[in-house]
Amino acid sequence: MPHDPEFLAETRSWLLKAEQNLRAGDVLLKADPALYGDVVFHCQQAVEKAWKAFLFWHDVPFRTVRLHAGRSTSAGFSGALSRPRETRLPGSGLRTTLSTVS
C-alpha cells in the first residue's frame, strides 16, 4: 500500500535528523581529545529521533517540545530569568554569571 508523500517526508525527516546526530557524535569521537559526554548526548538524541520516526510511521502519537516565536520564554517565572545570577558550570568548578535573558 503506497503512503502519502507528506507522511513519507515527515518520517524521513526524523530519520535524517537522527543521522545528523550520529554524524555529529562521530566527529566528536574523533576529536583529540574525544568529547565523550557530547558523543553520548548526540547518540541519545539519534535514538530518540529514530524512535519518533518509528512511532510516526506506526501512527502512534508522541510529544514534541516546540518553542513558539513571539512568546516570552520567561512567562510565568516572575522575573526570575531577567535577573543576572552567579552559578557554576557543571563539573568545572568555574564560576560564571548568567546574564539577562531577552
Protein backbone atom coordinates (compact mmCIF):
# COMPACT_ATOMS: atom_id res chain seq x y z
CA MET A 1 0.00 0.00 0.00
CA PRO A 2 1.56 3.34 -1.03
CA HIS A 3 1.91 6.00 1.63
CA ASP A 4 1.07 9.67 1.47
CA PRO A 5 4.13 11.66 0.26
CA GLU A 6 3.85 14.08 3.21
CA PHE A 7 3.76 11.11 5.60
CA LEU A 8 6.90 9.67 3.99
CA ALA A 9 8.62 13.07 4.07
CA GLU A 10 7.93 13.55 7.79
CA THR A 11 9.20 10.07 8.65
CA ARG A 12 12.28 10.60 6.50
CA SER A 13 12.85 13.96 8.20
CA TRP A 14 13.04 12.30 11.65
CA LEU A 15 15.49 9.71 10.31
CA LEU A 16 17.68 12.36 8.67
CA LYS A 17 17.81 14.28 11.96
CA ALA A 18 18.86 11.06 13.70
CA GLU A 19 21.58 10.53 11.10
CA GLN A 20 22.86 14.08 11.64
CA ASN A 21 23.15 13.41 15.37
CA LEU A 22 25.13 10.23 14.67
CA ARG A 23 27.44 12.14 12.33
CA ALA A 24 27.97 14.82 14.98
CA GLY A 25 28.76 12.12 17.52
CA ASP A 26 31.26 10.56 15.13
CA VAL A 27 33.05 13.90 14.61
CA LEU A 28 33.20 14.50 18.37
CA LEU A 29 34.50 10.98 18.96
CA LYS A 30 37.37 11.62 16.53
CA ALA A 31 38.30 14.90 18.22
CA ASP A 32 41.58 14.97 20.12
CA PRO A 33 40.77 14.53 22.90
CA ALA A 34 37.44 12.86 22.23
CA LEU A 35 34.43 14.67 23.71
CA TYR A 36 32.72 11.61 25.20
CA GLY A 37 29.95 13.47 27.03
CA ASP A 38 28.89 15.19 23.83
CA VAL A 39 29.20 11.93 21.87
CA VAL A 40 26.81 10.22 24.28
CA PHE A 41 24.41 13.19 24.11
CA HIS A 42 24.25 13.05 20.31
CA CYS A 43 23.83 9.26 20.35
CA GLN A 44 20.91 9.61 22.77
CA GLN A 45 19.39 12.27 20.53
CA ALA A 46 19.78 9.99 17.50
CA VAL A 47 18.00 7.14 19.28
CA GLU A 48 15.19 9.47 20.36
CA LYS A 49 14.68 10.79 16.82
CA ALA A 50 14.79 7.30 15.29
CA TRP A 51 12.20 6.22 17.88
CA LYS A 52 10.00 9.17 16.91
CA ALA A 53 10.30 8.15 13.25
CA PHE A 54 9.17 4.64 14.20
CA LEU A 55 6.25 5.98 16.25
CA PHE A 56 5.23 8.39 13.48
CA TRP A 57 5.39 5.61 10.87
CA HIS A 58 3.10 3.47 13.02
CA ASP A 59 0.75 6.40 13.71
CA VAL A 60 1.46 6.43 17.46
CA PRO A 61 1.13 9.92 18.99
CA PHE A 62 4.16 11.35 20.81
CA ARG A 63 5.12 14.64 22.38
CA THR A 64 7.49 17.17 20.87
CA VAL A 65 8.73 20.33 22.51
CA ARG A 66 8.35 23.42 20.38
CA LEU A 67 9.15 26.98 21.38
CA HIS A 68 6.76 29.44 19.82
CA ALA A 69 8.20 32.55 18.18
CA GLY A 70 7.00 35.79 19.68
CA ARG A 71 6.17 34.19 23.00
CA SER A 72 8.13 35.21 26.07
CA THR A 73 10.24 32.32 27.33
CA SER A 74 10.17 33.83 30.80
CA ALA A 75 6.36 34.00 31.05
CA GLY A 76 5.23 32.77 34.43
CA PHE A 77 8.65 32.98 36.07
CA SER A 78 8.02 36.30 37.86
CA GLY A 79 11.18 37.84 36.51
CA ALA A 80 13.46 35.02 37.71
CA LEU A 81 15.07 34.79 34.27
CA SER A 82 15.55 38.53 33.94
CA ARG A 83 18.00 38.86 36.87
CA PRO A 84 21.69 38.06 36.42
CA ARG A 85 22.85 35.41 38.86
CA GLU A 86 26.09 33.69 39.70
CA THR A 87 26.34 29.95 39.09
CA ARG A 88 28.90 27.23 38.38
CA LEU A 89 29.43 25.48 35.10
CA PRO A 90 28.67 21.77 35.66
CA GLY A 91 31.77 19.88 36.72
CA SER A 92 34.18 22.74 36.04
CA GLY A 93 34.37 24.48 39.39
CA LEU A 94 34.39 27.74 37.37
CA ARG A 95 32.01 30.49 38.36
CA THR A 96 30.12 32.38 35.70
CA THR A 97 27.32 34.93 35.62
CA LEU A 98 24.13 34.22 33.75
CA SER A 99 23.13 37.45 32.06
CA THR A 100 19.64 38.71 31.39
CA VAL A 101 17.59 36.54 29.05
CA SER A 102 15.85 38.63 26.39
